Amino acid sequence: MTTFLQIALSALLLFGCFFIVVGALGLVRFSDFFKRLHAPTKASTLGVGCVLACSVAYHIFLGEDPQPRELLITVFLFITAPISAHLMAKAALSLMMESRPEVPGDDSARKEQLPPPEGRAED
């Protein structure tokens, strides 16, 4: 393997590791659930994707076939990470809405009654 490819793959690996560490630190350091959810789903997904891309490129440049498990991991990661983050965010929002105390005189909980369309009598 040439020196340029070694440097390029090393840079891609370091780039991926940097984002994995940033995602892990974001998970530990952020205060709110939604901030904690954002860090691993965005940064760590990019980091793991870079590490797997580096692994696939390494095997290709060695003249070996890329391993199907590496490609499958990449596909499943990019499919499942946003879906799971979306479902966790929806669950957290619904729990927040259920636990919100009812404020007297708050009209946001009531739906506005619209008048019937003109020309129609209400039954």
PDB file of N, CA and C in Angstrom:
ATOM      1  N   MET A   1       0.858  -1.172   0.000  1.00  0.00           N
ATOM      2  CA  MET A   1       0.000   0.000   0.000  1.00  0.00           C
ATOM      3  C   MET A   1       0.901   1.231   0.000  1.00  0.00           C
ATOM      4  N   THR A   2       0.513   2.215  -0.740  1.00  0.00           N
ATOM      5  CA  THR A   2       1.351   3.401  -0.836  1.00  0.00           C
ATOM      6  C   THR A   2       1.221   4.269   0.405  1.00  0.00           C
ATOM      7  N   THR A   3       2.157   5.166   0.542  1.00  0.00           N
ATOM      8  CA  THR A   3       2.178   6.043   1.713  1.00  0.00           C
ATOM      9  C   THR A   3       0.963   6.970   1.720  1.00  0.00           C
ATOM     10  N   PHE A   4       0.553   7.446   0.550  1.00  0.00           N
ATOM     11  CA  PHE A   4      -0.608   8.327   0.480  1.00  0.00           C
ATOM     12  C   PHE A   4      -1.866   7.618   0.987  1.00  0.00           C
ATOM     13  N   LEU A   5      -2.070   6.363   0.596  1.00  0.00           N
ATOM     14  CA  LEU A   5      -3.253   5.624   1.053  1.00  0.00           C
ATOM     15  C   LEU A   5      -3.195   5.369   2.551  1.00  0.00           C
ATOM     16  N   GLN A   6      -1.997   5.087   3.054  1.00  0.00           N
ATOM     17  CA  GLN A   6      -1.866   4.889   4.495  1.00  0.00           C
ATOM     18  C   GLN A   6      -2.219   6.152   5.267  1.00  0.00           C
ATOM     19  N   ILE A   7      -1.772   7.281   4.762  1.00  0.00           N
ATOM     20  CA  ILE A   7      -2.072   8.556   5.430  1.00  0.00           C
ATOM     21  C   ILE A   7      -3.564   8.870   5.325  1.00  0.00           C
ATOM     22  N   ALA A   8      -4.156   8.635   4.160  1.00  0.00           N
ATOM     23  CA  ALA A   8      -5.586   8.911   3.976  1.00  0.00           C
ATOM     24  C   ALA A   8      -6.444   8.017   4.879  1.00  0.00           C
ATOM     25  N   LEU A   9      -6.110   6.736   4.954  1.00  0.00           N
ATOM     26  CA  LEU A   9      -6.876   5.834   5.815  1.00  0.00           C
ATOM     27  C   LEU A   9      -6.662   6.152   7.294  1.00  0.00           C
ATOM     28  N   SER A  10      -5.449   6.549   7.649  1.00  0.00           N
ATOM     29  CA  SER A  10      -5.194   6.945   9.043  1.00  0.00           C
ATOM     30  C   SER A  10      -5.976   8.199   9.404  1.00  0.00           C
ATOM     31  N   ALA A  11      -6.026   9.154   8.474  1.00  0.00           N
ATOM     32  CA  ALA A  11      -6.794  10.378   8.724  1.00  0.00           C
ATOM     33  C   ALA A  11      -8.285  10.062   8.863  1.00  0.00           C
ATOM     34  N   LEU A  12      -8.801   9.175   8.032  1.00  0.00           N
ATOM     35  CA  LEU A  12     -10.211   8.789   8.129  1.00  0.00           C
ATOM     36  C   LEU A  12     -10.496   8.076   9.445  1.00  0.00           C
ATOM     37  N   LEU A  13      -9.570   7.248   9.881  1.00  0.00           N
ATOM     38  CA  LEU A  13      -9.728   6.543  11.154  1.00  0.00           C
ATOM     39  C   LEU A  13      -9.679   7.510  12.329  1.00  0.00           C
ATOM     40  N   LEU A  14      -8.760   8.471  12.296  1.00  0.00           N
ATOM     41  CA  LEU A  14      -8.689   9.470  13.363  1.00  0.00           C
ATOM     42  C   LEU A  14      -9.921  10.368  13.370  1.00  0.00           C
ATOM     43  N   PHE A  15     -10.404  10.723  12.197  1.00  0.00           N
ATOM     44  CA  PHE A  15     -11.618  11.525  12.078  1.00  0.00           C
ATOM     45  C   PHE A  15     -12.806  10.777  12.705  1.00  0.00           C
ATOM     46  N   GLY A  16     -12.921   9.489  12.390  1.00  0.00           N
ATOM     47  CA  GLY A  16     -14.002   8.687  12.959  1.00  0.00           C
ATOM     48  C   GLY A  16     -13.891   8.537  14.467  1.00  0.00           C
ATOM     49  N   CYS A  17     -12.679   8.301  14.954  1.00  0.00           N
ATOM     50  CA  CYS A  17     -12.480   8.165  16.404  1.00  0.00           C
ATOM     51  C   CYS A  17     -12.781   9.466  17.133  1.00  0.00           C
ATOM     52  N   PHE A  18     -12.429  10.591  16.512  1.00  0.00           N
ATOM     53  CA  PHE A  18     -12.739  11.892  17.108  1.00  0.00           C
ATOM     54  C   PHE A  18     -14.244  12.049  17.299  1.00  0.00           C
ATOM     55  N   PHE A  19     -15.021  11.711  16.293  1.00  0.00           N
ATOM     56  CA  PHE A  19     -16.468  11.867  16.407  1.00  0.00           C
ATOM     57  C   PHE A  19     -17.083  10.865  17.380  1.00  0.00           C
ATOM     58  N   ILE A  20     -16.503   9.693  17.499  1.00  0.00           N
ATOM     59  CA  ILE A  20     -16.996   8.734  18.497  1.00  0.00           C
ATOM     60  C   ILE A  20     -16.782   9.283  19.907  1.00  0.00           C
ATOM     61  N   VAL A  21     -15.606   9.859  20.149  1.00  0.00           N
ATOM     62  CA  VAL A  21     -15.313  10.436  21.464  1.00  0.00           C
ATOM     63  C   VAL A  21     -16.216  11.639  21.733  1.00  0.00           C
ATOM     64  N   VAL A  22     -16.443  12.478  20.726  1.00  0.00           N
ATOM     65  CA  VAL A  22     -17.330  13.636  20.903  1.00  0.00           C
ATOM     66  C   VAL A  22     -18.751  13.180  21.233  1.00  0.00           C
ATOM     67  N   GLY A  23     -19.232  12.136  20.565  1.00  0.00           N
ATOM     68  CA  GLY A  23     -20.562  11.608  20.867  1.00  0.00           C
ATOM     69  C   GLY A  23     -20.654  11.033  22.269  1.00  0.00           C
ATOM     70  N   ALA A  24     -19.612  10.351  22.717  1.00  0.00           N
ATOM     71  CA  ALA A  24     -19.608   9.787  24.069  1.00  0.00           C
ATOM     72  C   ALA A  24     -19.559  10.890  25.117  1.00  0.00           C
ATOM     73  N   LEU A  25     -18.746  11.904  24.889  1.00  0.00           N
ATOM     74  CA  LEU A  25     -18.688  13.024  25.834  1.00  0.00           C
ATOM     75  C   LEU A  25     -20.006  13.790  25.869  1.00  0.00           C
ATOM     76  N   GLY A  26     -20.634  13.950  24.718  1.00  0.00           N
ATOM     77  CA  GLY A  26     -21.925  14.619  24.680  1.00  0.00           C
ATOM     78  C   GLY A  26     -22.988  13.848  25.449  1.00  0.00           C
ATOM     79  N   LEU A  27     -22.923  12.539  25.385  1.00  0.00           N
ATOM     80  CA  LEU A  27     -23.878  11.714  26.127  1.00  0.00           C
ATOM     81  C   LEU A  27     -23.688  11.880  27.626  1.00  0.00           C
ATOM     82  N   VAL A  28     -22.450  12.014  28.065  1.00  0.00           N
ATOM     83  CA  VAL A  28     -22.166  12.134  29.498  1.00  0.00           C
ATOM     84  C   VAL A  28     -22.378  13.560  29.998  1.00  0.00           C
ATOM     85  N   ARG A  29     -21.999  14.553  29.219  1.00  0.00           N
ATOM     86  CA  ARG A  29     -21.940  15.918  29.715  1.00  0.00           C
ATOM     87  C   ARG A  29     -23.231  16.725  29.571  1.00  0.00           C
ATOM     88  N   PHE A  30     -24.041  16.435  28.565  1.00  0.00           N
ATOM     89  CA  PHE A  30     -25.232  17.250  28.352  1.00  0.00           C
ATOM     90  C   PHE A  30     -26.255  17.015  29.452  1.00  0.00           C
ATOM     91  N   SER A  31     -27.064  18.052  29.710  1.00  0.00           N
ATOM     92  CA  SER A  31     -27.988  17.989  30.841  1.00  0.00           C
ATOM     93  C   SER A  31     -29.377  17.477  30.469  1.00  0.00           C
ATOM     94  N   ASP A  32     -29.873  17.836  29.323  1.00  0.00           N
ATOM     95  CA  ASP A  32     -31.235  17.522  28.916  1.00  0.00           C
ATOM     96  C   ASP A  32     -31.277  16.213  28.133  1.00  0.00           C
ATOM     97  N   PHE A  33     -32.393  15.503  28.202  1.00  0.00           N
ATOM     98  CA  PHE A  33     -32.530  14.236  27.486  1.00  0.00           C
ATOM     99  C   PHE A  33     -32.373  14.411  25.986  1.00  0.00           C
ATOM    100  N   PHE A  34     -32.964  15.457  25.454  1.00  0.00           N
ATOM    101  CA  PHE A  34     -32.930  15.654  24.008  1.00  0.00           C
ATOM    102  C   PHE A  34     -31.521  16.008  23.521  1.00  0.00           C
ATOM    103  N   LYS A  35     -30.776  16.744  24.338  1.00  0.00           N
ATOM    104  CA  LYS A  35     -29.375  17.009  23.991  1.00  0.00           C
ATOM    105  C   LYS A  35     -28.559  15.719  24.072  1.00  0.00           C
ATOM    106  N   ARG A  36     -28.829  14.935  25.089  1.00  0.00           N
ATOM    107  CA  ARG A  36     -28.120  13.652  25.223  1.00  0.00           C
ATOM    108  C   ARG A  36     -28.463  12.698  24.096  1.00  0.00           C
ATOM    109  N   LEU A  37     -29.648  12.782  23.595  1.00  0.00           N
ATOM    110  CA  LEU A  37     -30.064  11.937  22.475  1.00  0.00           C
ATOM    111  C   LEU A  37     -29.395  12.377  21.183  1.00  0.00           C
ATOM    112  N   HIS A  38     -29.193  13.660  21.035  1.00  0.00           N
ATOM    113  CA  HIS A  38     -28.620  14.204  19.803  1.00  0.00           C
ATOM    114  C   HIS A  38     -27.155  13.805  19.624  1.00  0.00           C
ATOM    115  N   ALA A  39     -26.389  13.817  20.706  1.00  0.00           N
ATOM    116  CA  ALA A  39     -24.945  13.575  20.598  1.00  0.00           C
ATOM    117  C   ALA A  39     -24.605  12.183  20.058  1.00  0.00           C
ATOM    118  N   PRO A  40     -25.109  11.111  20.633  1.00  0.00           N
ATOM    119  CA  PRO A  40     -24.705   9.810  20.088  1.00  0.00           C
ATOM    120  C   PRO A  40     -25.331   9.474  18.744  1.00  0.00           C
ATOM    121  N   THR A  41     -26.522   9.979  18.472  1.00  0.00           N
ATOM    122  CA  THR A  41     -27.134   9.613  17.200  1.00  0.00           C
ATOM    123  C   THR A  41     -26.492  10.324  16.026  1.00  0.00           C
ATOM    124  N   LYS A  42     -25.972  11.502  16.241  1.00  0.00           N
ATOM    125  CA  LYS A  42     -25.347  12.225  15.130  1.00  0.00           C
ATOM    126  C   LYS A  42     -23.846  11.959  15.076  1.00  0.00           C
ATOM    127  N   ALA A  43     -23.142  12.302  16.137  1.00  0.00           N
ATOM    128  CA  ALA A  43     -21.679  12.234  16.121  1.00  0.00           C
ATOM    129  C   ALA A  43     -21.169  10.799  16.083  1.00  0.00           C
ATOM    130  N   SER A  44     -21.728   9.950  16.890  1.00  0.00           N
ATOM    131  CA  SER A  44     -21.228   8.579  16.921  1.00  0.00           C
ATOM    132  C   SER A  44     -21.577   7.815  15.655  1.00  0.00           C
ATOM    133  N   THR A  45     -22.712   8.114  15.061  1.00  0.00           N
ATOM    134  CA  THR A  45     -23.054   7.472  13.789  1.00  0.00           C
ATOM    135  C   THR A  45     -22.053   7.857  12.709  1.00  0.00           C
ATOM    136  N   LEU A  46     -21.688   9.132  12.669  1.00  0.00           N
ATOM    137  CA  LEU A  46     -20.685   9.571  11.705  1.00  0.00           C
ATOM    138  C   LEU A  46     -19.332   8.930  12.004  1.00  0.00           C
ATOM    139  N   GLY A  47     -18.973   8.838  13.286  1.00  0.00           N
ATOM    140  CA  GLY A  47     -17.697   8.244  13.659  1.00  0.00           C
ATOM    141  C   GLY A  47     -17.608   6.773  13.314  1.00  0.00           C
ATOM    142  N   VAL A  48     -18.624   6.015  13.634  1.00  0.00           N
ATOM    143  CA  VAL A  48     -18.622   4.577  13.319  1.00  0.00           C
ATOM    144  C   VAL A  48     -18.673   4.370  11.810  1.00  0.00           C
ATOM    145  N   GLY A  49     -19.395   5.222  11.104  1.00  0.00           N
ATOM    146  CA  GLY A  49     -19.425   5.140   9.649  1.00  0.00           C
ATOM    147  C   GLY A  49     -18.049   5.364   9.042  1.00  0.00           C
ATOM    148  N   CYS A  50     -17.302   6.325   9.587  1.00  0.00           N
ATOM    149  CA  CYS A  50     -15.940   6.573   9.090  1.00  0.00           C
ATOM    150  C   CYS A  50     -15.010   5.400   9.386  1.00  0.00           C
ATOM    151  N   VAL A  51     -15.117   4.824  10.569  1.00  0.00           N
ATOM    152  CA  VAL A  51     -14.269   3.676  10.919  1.00  0.00           C
ATOM    153  C   VAL A  51     -14.589   2.491  10.013  1.00  0.00           C
ATOM    154  N   LEU A  52     -15.860   2.241   9.766  1.00  0.00           N
ATOM    155  CA  LEU A  52     -16.229   1.131   8.886  1.00  0.00           C
ATOM    156  C   LEU A  52     -15.826   1.403   7.442  1.00  0.00           C
ATOM    157  N   ALA A  53     -15.938   2.648   6.995  1.00  0.00           N
ATOM    158  CA  ALA A  53     -15.489   2.985   5.642  1.00  0.00           C
ATOM    159  C   ALA A  53     -13.979   2.802   5.513  1.00  0.00           C
ATOM    160  N   CYS A  54     -13.250   3.140   6.546  1.00  0.00           N
ATOM    161  CA  CYS A  54     -11.803   2.931   6.553  1.00  0.00           C
ATOM    162  C   CYS A  54     -11.478   1.445   6.477  1.00  0.00           C
ATOM    163  N   SER A  55     -12.216   0.637   7.194  1.00  0.00           N
ATOM    164  CA  SER A  55     -11.990  -0.805   7.173  1.00  0.00           C
ATOM    165  C   SER A  55     -12.279  -1.401   5.794  1.00  0.00           C
ATOM    166  N   VAL A  56     -13.372  -0.971   5.192  1.00  0.00           N
ATOM    167  CA  VAL A  56     -13.714  -1.458   3.849  1.00  0.00           C
ATOM    168  C   VAL A  56     -12.645  -1.027   2.845  1.00  0.00           C
ATOM    169  N   ALA A  57     -12.219   0.232   2.917  1.00  0.00           N
ATOM    170  CA  ALA A  57     -11.193   0.730   1.990  1.00  0.00           C
ATOM    171  C   ALA A  57      -9.873  -0.001   2.189  1.00  0.00           C
ATOM    172  N   TYR A  58      -9.533  -0.312   3.416  1.00  0.00           N
ATOM    173  CA  TYR A  58      -8.293  -1.048   3.702  1.00  0.00           C
ATOM    174  C   TYR A  58      -8.305  -2.419   3.032  1.00  0.00           C
ATOM    175  N   HIS A  59      -9.420  -3.124   3.152  1.00  0.00           N
ATOM    176  CA  HIS A  59      -9.521  -4.443   2.529  1.00  0.00           C
ATOM    177  C   HIS A  59      -9.527  -4.354   0.994  1.00  0.00           C
ATOM    178  N   ILE A  60     -10.134  -3.315   0.452  1.00  0.00           N
ATOM    179  CA  ILE A  60     -10.149  -3.148  -1.004  1.00  0.00           C
ATOM    180  C   ILE A  60      -8.740  -2.870  -1.526  1.00  0.00           C
ATOM    181  N   PHE A  61      -8.004  -1.998  -0.831  1.00  0.00           N
ATOM    182  CA  PHE A  61      -6.664  -1.650  -1.303  1.00  0.00           C
ATOM    183  C   PHE A  61      -5.667  -2.782  -1.101  1.00  0.00           C
ATOM    184  N   LEU A  62      -5.960  -3.707  -0.192  1.00  0.00           N
ATOM    185  CA  LEU A  62      -5.105  -4.885  -0.052  1.00  0.00           C
ATOM    186  C   LEU A  62      -5.395  -5.918  -1.126  1.00  0.00           C
ATOM    187  N   GLY A  63      -6.471  -5.731  -1.849  1.00  0.00           N
ATOM    188  CA  GLY A  63      -6.831  -6.672  -2.897  1.00  0.00           C
ATOM    189  C   GLY A  63      -7.770  -7.759  -2.422  1.00  0.00           C
ATOM    190  N   GLU A  64      -8.249  -7.648  -1.205  1.00  0.00           N
ATOM    191  CA  GLU A  64      -9.211  -8.609  -0.676  1.00  0.00           C
ATOM    192  C   GLU A  64     -10.624  -8.095  -0.953  1.00  0.00           C
ATOM    193  N   ASP A  65     -11.557  -8.992  -0.923  1.00  0.00           N
ATOM    194  CA  ASP A  65     -12.951  -8.578  -1.053  1.00  0.00           C
ATOM    195  C   ASP A  65     -13.392  -7.910   0.247  1.00  0.00           C
ATOM    196  N   PRO A  66     -14.202  -6.855   0.139  1.00  0.00           N
ATOM    197  CA  PRO A  66     -14.723  -6.258   1.379  1.00  0.00           C
ATOM    198  C   PRO A  66     -15.636  -7.246   2.088  1.00  0.00           C
ATOM    199  N   GLN A  67     -15.549  -7.254   3.373  1.00  0.00           N
ATOM    200  CA  GLN A  67     -16.339  -8.180   4.170  1.00  0.00           C
ATOM    201  C   GLN A  67     -17.807  -7.759   4.158  1.00  0.00           C
ATOM    202  N   PRO A  68     -18.717  -8.697   3.931  1.00  0.00           N
ATOM    203  CA  PRO A  68     -20.134  -8.319   3.921  1.00  0.00           C
ATOM    204  C   PRO A  68     -20.616  -7.829   5.275  1.00  0.00           C
ATOM    205  N   ARG A  69     -20.011  -8.317   6.348  1.00  0.00           N
ATOM    206  CA  ARG A  69     -20.483  -7.879   7.676  1.00  0.00           C
ATOM    207  C   ARG A  69     -20.201  -6.392   7.889  1.00  0.00           C
ATOM    208  N   GLU A  70     -19.096  -5.878   7.346  1.00  0.00           N
ATOM    209  CA  GLU A  70     -18.806  -4.451   7.487  1.00  0.00           C
ATOM    210  C   GLU A  70     -19.831  -3.614   6.733  1.00  0.00           C
ATOM    211  N   LEU A  71     -20.177  -4.047   5.554  1.00  0.00           N
ATOM    212  CA  LEU A  71     -21.178  -3.323   4.770  1.00  0.00           C
ATOM    213  C   LEU A  71     -22.557  -3.415   5.418  1.00  0.00           C
ATOM    214  N   LEU A  72     -22.896  -4.570   5.964  1.00  0.00           N
ATOM    215  CA  LEU A  72     -24.187  -4.725   6.640  1.00  0.00           C
ATOM    216  C   LEU A  72     -24.264  -3.880   7.910  1.00  0.00           C
ATOM    217  N   ILE A  73     -23.170  -3.829   8.662  1.00  0.00           N
ATOM    218  CA  ILE A  73     -23.145  -2.996   9.864  1.00  0.00           C
ATOM    219  C   ILE A  73     -23.382  -1.541   9.493  1.00  0.00           C
ATOM    220  N   THR A  74     -22.744  -1.078   8.433  1.00  0.00           N
ATOM    221  CA  THR A  74     -22.907   0.300   7.996  1.00  0.00           C
ATOM    222  C   THR A  74     -24.352   0.580   7.588  1.00  0.00           C
ATOM    223  N   VAL A  75     -24.935  -0.317   6.821  1.00  0.00           N
ATOM    224  CA  VAL A  75     -26.324  -0.117   6.370  1.00  0.00           C
ATOM    225  C   VAL A  75     -27.278  -0.121   7.557  1.00  0.00           C
ATOM    226  N   PHE A  76     -27.143  -1.102   8.450  1.00  0.00           N
ATOM    227  CA  PHE A  76     -28.045  -1.171   9.605  1.00  0.00           C
ATOM    228  C   PHE A  76     -27.859   0.020  10.540  1.00  0.00           C
ATOM    229  N   LEU A  77     -26.639   0.488  10.679  1.00  0.00           N
ATOM    230  CA  LEU A  77     -26.381   1.637  11.545  1.00  0.00           C
ATOM    231  C   LEU A  77     -27.067   2.884  11.001  1.00  0.00           C
ATOM    232  N   PHE A  78     -26.927   3.138   9.718  1.00  0.00           N
ATOM    233  CA  PHE A  78     -27.524   4.343   9.144  1.00  0.00           C
ATOM    234  C   PHE A  78     -29.034   4.238   9.006  1.00  0.00           C
ATOM    235  N   ILE A  79     -29.590   3.042   9.079  1.00  0.00           N
ATOM    236  CA  ILE A  79     -31.044   2.892   9.051  1.00  0.00           C
ATOM    237  C   ILE A  79     -31.624   2.990  10.460  1.00  0.00           C
ATOM    238  N   THR A  80     -31.015   2.295  11.412  1.00  0.00           N
ATOM    239  CA  THR A  80     -31.622   2.190  12.738  1.00  0.00           C
ATOM    240  C   THR A  80     -31.359   3.380  13.646  1.00  0.00           C
ATOM    241  N   ALA A  81     -30.247   4.075  13.504  1.00  0.00           N
ATOM    242  CA  ALA A  81     -29.948   5.191  14.413  1.00  0.00           C
ATOM    243  C   ALA A  81     -30.977   6.315  14.325  1.00  0.00           C
ATOM    244  N   PRO A  82     -31.340   6.815  13.148  1.00  0.00           N
ATOM    245  CA  PRO A  82     -32.342   7.880  13.131  1.00  0.00           C
ATOM    246  C   PRO A  82     -33.731   7.419  13.553  1.00  0.00           C
ATOM    247  N   ILE A  83     -34.074   6.193  13.221  1.00  0.00           N
ATOM    248  CA  ILE A  83     -35.398   5.692  13.586  1.00  0.00           C
ATOM    249  C   ILE A  83     -35.516   5.547  15.097  1.00  0.00           C
ATOM    250  N   SER A  84     -34.494   4.972  15.729  1.00  0.00           N
ATOM    251  CA  SER A  84     -34.549   4.808  17.181  1.00  0.00           C
ATOM    252  C   SER A  84     -34.517   6.156  17.888  1.00  0.00           C
ATOM    253  N   ALA A  85     -33.746   7.112  17.388  1.00  0.00           N
ATOM    254  CA  ALA A  85     -33.724   8.447  17.995  1.00  0.00           C
ATOM    255  C   ALA A  85     -35.084   9.127  17.874  1.00  0.00           C
ATOM    256  N   HIS A  86     -35.723   8.965  16.729  1.00  0.00           N
ATOM    257  CA  HIS A  86     -37.048   9.552  16.528  1.00  0.00           C
ATOM    258  C   HIS A  86     -38.066   8.945  17.497  1.00  0.00           C
ATOM    259  N   LEU A  87     -38.047   7.643  17.643  1.00  0.00           N
ATOM    260  CA  LEU A  87     -39.005   6.994  18.546  1.00  0.00           C
ATOM    261  C   LEU A  87     -38.748   7.351  20.008  1.00  0.00           C
ATOM    262  N   MET A  88     -37.485   7.454  20.399  1.00  0.00           N
ATOM    263  CA  MET A  88     -37.191   7.862  21.779  1.00  0.00           C
ATOM    264  C   MET A  88     -37.620   9.298  22.034  1.00  0.00           C
ATOM    265  N   ALA A  89     -37.433  10.179  21.060  1.00  0.00           N
ATOM    266  CA  ALA A  89     -37.858  11.568  21.218  1.00  0.00           C
ATOM    267  C   ALA A  89     -39.377  11.670  21.314  1.00  0.00           C
ATOM    268  N   LYS A  90     -40.096  10.889  20.491  1.00  0.00           N
ATOM    269  CA  LYS A  90     -41.565  10.903  20.577  1.00  0.00           C
ATOM    270  C   LYS A  90     -42.047  10.393  21.926  1.00  0.00           C
ATOM    271  N   ALA A  91     -41.410   9.339  22.439  1.00  0.00           N
ATOM    272  CA  ALA A  91     -41.799   8.801  23.743  1.00  0.00           C
ATOM    273  C   ALA A  91     -41.530   9.815  24.852  1.00  0.00           C
ATOM    274  N   ALA A  92     -40.399  10.492  24.784  1.00  0.00           N
ATOM    275  CA  ALA A  92     -40.081  11.492  25.804  1.00  0.00           C
ATOM    276  C   ALA A  92     -41.037  12.676  25.733  1.00  0.00           C
ATOM    277  N   LEU A  93     -41.391  13.100  24.536  1.00  0.00           N
ATOM    278  CA  LEU A  93     -42.353  14.199  24.406  1.00  0.00           C
ATOM    279  C   LEU A  93     -43.723  13.819  24.942  1.00  0.00           C
ATOM    280  N   SER A  94     -44.158  12.595  24.679  1.00  0.00           N
ATOM    281  CA  SER A  94     -45.466  12.190  25.192  1.00  0.00           C
ATOM    282  C   SER A  94     -45.451  12.071  26.711  1.00  0.00           C
ATOM    283  N   LEU A  95     -44.337  11.632  27.283  1.00  0.00           N
ATOM    284  CA  LEU A  95     -44.238  11.583  28.745  1.00  0.00           C
ATOM    285  C   LEU A  95     -44.218  12.985  29.345  1.00  0.00           C
ATOM    286  N   MET A  96     -43.567  13.923  28.670  1.00  0.00           N
ATOM    287  CA  MET A  96     -43.545  15.298  29.165  1.00  0.00           C
ATOM    288  C   MET A  96     -44.937  15.914  29.111  1.00  0.00           C
ATOM    289  N   MET A  97     -45.696  15.609  28.071  1.00  0.00           N
ATOM    290  CA  MET A  97     -47.036  16.168  27.944  1.00  0.00           C
ATOM    291  C   MET A  97     -47.987  15.569  28.977  1.00  0.00           C
ATOM    292  N   GLU A  98     -47.801  14.298  29.310  1.00  0.00           N
ATOM    293  CA  GLU A  98     -48.654  13.666  30.322  1.00  0.00           C
ATOM    294  C   GLU A  98     -48.359  14.192  31.706  1.00  0.00           C
ATOM    295  N   SER A  99     -47.106  14.477  32.001  1.00  0.00           N
ATOM    296  CA  SER A  99     -46.739  14.886  33.351  1.00  0.00           C
ATOM    297  C   SER A  99     -46.848  16.388  33.559  1.00  0.00           C
ATOM    298  N   ARG A 100     -47.211  17.140  32.523  1.00  0.00           N
ATOM    299  CA  ARG A 100     -47.348  18.588  32.656  1.00  0.00           C
ATOM    300  C   ARG A 100     -48.582  18.894  33.498  1.00  0.00           C
ATOM    301  N   PRO A 101     -48.428  19.706  34.552  1.00  0.00           N
ATOM    302  CA  PRO A 101     -49.593  20.015  35.399  1.00  0.00           C
ATOM    303  C   PRO A 101     -50.585  20.906  34.666  1.00  0.00           C
ATOM    304  N   GLU A 102     -51.838  20.727  35.001  1.00  0.00           N
ATOM    305  CA  GLU A 102     -52.914  21.514  34.402  1.00  0.00           C
ATOM    306  C   GLU A 102     -52.956  22.878  35.088  1.00  0.00           C
ATOM    307  N   VAL A 103     -52.862  23.938  34.324  1.00  0.00           N
ATOM    308  CA  VAL A 103     -52.874  25.297  34.860  1.00  0.00           C
ATOM    309  C   VAL A 103     -54.284  25.852  34.692  1.00  0.00           C
ATOM    310  N   PRO A 104     -54.891  26.354  35.787  1.00  0.00           N
ATOM    311  CA  PRO A 104     -56.237  26.918  35.657  1.00  0.00           C
ATOM    312  C   PRO A 104     -56.228  28.127  34.722  1.00  0.00           C
ATOM    313  N   GLY A 105     -57.212  28.181  33.854  1.00  0.00           N
ATOM    314  CA  GLY A 105     -57.333  29.286  32.917  1.00  0.00           C
ATOM    315  C   GLY A 105     -56.439  29.142  31.696  1.00  0.00           C
ATOM    316  N   ASP A 106     -55.748  27.996  31.548  1.00  0.00           N
ATOM    317  CA  ASP A 106     -54.882  27.770  30.393  1.00  0.00           C
ATOM    318  C   ASP A 106     -55.742  27.275  29.239  1.00  0.00           C
ATOM    319  N   ASP A 107     -55.803  28.050  28.184  1.00  0.00           N
ATOM    320  CA  ASP A 107     -56.643  27.699  27.039  1.00  0.00           C
ATOM    321  C   ASP A 107     -55.929  26.793  26.043  1.00  0.00           C
ATOM    322  N   SER A 108     -54.668  26.498  26.274  1.00  0.00           N
ATOM    323  CA  SER A 108     -53.937  25.697  25.296  1.00  0.00           C
ATOM    324  C   SER A 108     -54.401  24.239  25.308  1.00  0.00           C
ATOM    325  N   ALA A 109     -54.992  23.796  26.416  1.00  0.00           N
ATOM    326  CA  ALA A 109     -55.445  22.407  26.490  1.00  0.00           C
ATOM    327  C   ALA A 109     -56.783  22.221  25.781  1.00  0.00           C
ATOM    328  N   ARG A 110     -57.569  23.302  25.704  1.00  0.00           N
ATOM    329  CA  ARG A 110     -58.875  23.192  25.067  1.00  0.00           C
ATOM    330  C   ARG A 110     -58.775  23.486  23.582  1.00  0.00           C
ATOM    331  N   LYS A 111     -59.577  22.788  22.818  1.00  0.00           N
ATOM    332  CA  LYS A 111     -59.626  23.040  21.376  1.00  0.00           C
ATOM    333  C   LYS A 111     -60.656  24.136  21.122  1.00  0.00           C
ATOM    334  N   GLU A 112     -60.308  24.984  20.188  1.00  0.00           N
ATOM    335  CA  GLU A 112     -61.247  26.049  19.849  1.00  0.00           C
ATOM    336  C   GLU A 112     -62.427  25.473  19.087  1.00  0.00           C
ATOM    337  N   GLN A 113     -63.607  25.974  19.396  1.00  0.00           N
ATOM    338  CA  GLN A 113     -64.803  25.569  18.688  1.00  0.00           C
ATOM    339  C   GLN A 113     -64.996  26.501  17.499  1.00  0.00           C
ATOM    340  N   LEU A 114     -64.926  25.943  16.336  1.00  0.00           N
ATOM    341  CA  LEU A 114     -65.115  26.741  15.137  1.00  0.00           C
ATOM    342  C   LEU A 114     -66.599  26.835  14.819  1.00  0.00           C
ATOM    343  N   PRO A 115     -67.020  27.974  14.310  1.00  0.00           N
ATOM    344  CA  PRO A 115     -68.430  28.096  13.950  1.00  0.00           C
ATOM    345  C   PRO A 115     -68.707  27.230  12.726  1.00  0.00           C
ATOM    346  N   PRO A 116     -69.974  26.796  12.565  1.00  0.00           N
ATOM    347  CA  PRO A 116     -70.282  25.973  11.398  1.00  0.00           C
ATOM    348  C   PRO A 116     -70.148  26.800  10.125  1.00  0.00           C
ATOM    349  N   PRO A 117     -69.856  26.150   9.010  1.00  0.00           N
ATOM    350  CA  PRO A 117     -69.740  26.875   7.740  1.00  0.00           C
ATOM    351  C   PRO A 117     -71.033  27.576   7.400  1.00  0.00           C
ATOM    352  N   GLU A 118     -70.925  28.694   6.725  1.00  0.00           N
ATOM    353  CA  GLU A 118     -72.125  29.463   6.389  1.00  0.00           C
ATOM    354  C   GLU A 118     -73.003  28.677   5.427  1.00  0.00           C
ATOM    355  N   GLY A 119     -74.281  28.822   5.608  1.00  0.00           N
ATOM    356  CA  GLY A 119     -75.228  28.153   4.733  1.00  0.00           C
ATOM    357  C   GLY A 119     -75.638  26.784   5.272  1.00  0.00           C
ATOM    358  N   ARG A 120     -75.033  26.350   6.331  1.00  0.00           N
ATOM    359  CA  ARG A 120     -75.400  25.050   6.922  1.00  0.00           C
ATOM    360  C   ARG A 120     -75.927  25.283   8.330  1.00  0.00           C
ATOM    361  N   ALA A 121     -76.950  24.601   8.616  1.00  0.00           N
ATOM    362  CA  ALA A 121     -77.508  24.665   9.962  1.00  0.00           C
ATOM    363  C   ALA A 121     -76.888  23.554  10.781  1.00  0.00           C
ATOM    364  N   GLU A 122     -76.699  23.857  12.052  1.00  0.00           N
ATOM    365  CA  GLU A 122     -76.107  22.848  12.922  1.00  0.00           C
ATOM    366  C   GLU A 122     -77.163  21.851  13.317  1.00  0.00           C
ATOM    367  N   ASP A 123     -76.873  20.575  13.223  1.00  0.00           N
ATOM    368  CA  ASP A 123     -77.854  19.518  13.548  1.00  0.00           C
ATOM    369  C   ASP A 123     -77.862  19.216  15.003  1.00  0.00           C
TER     370      ASP A 123
END
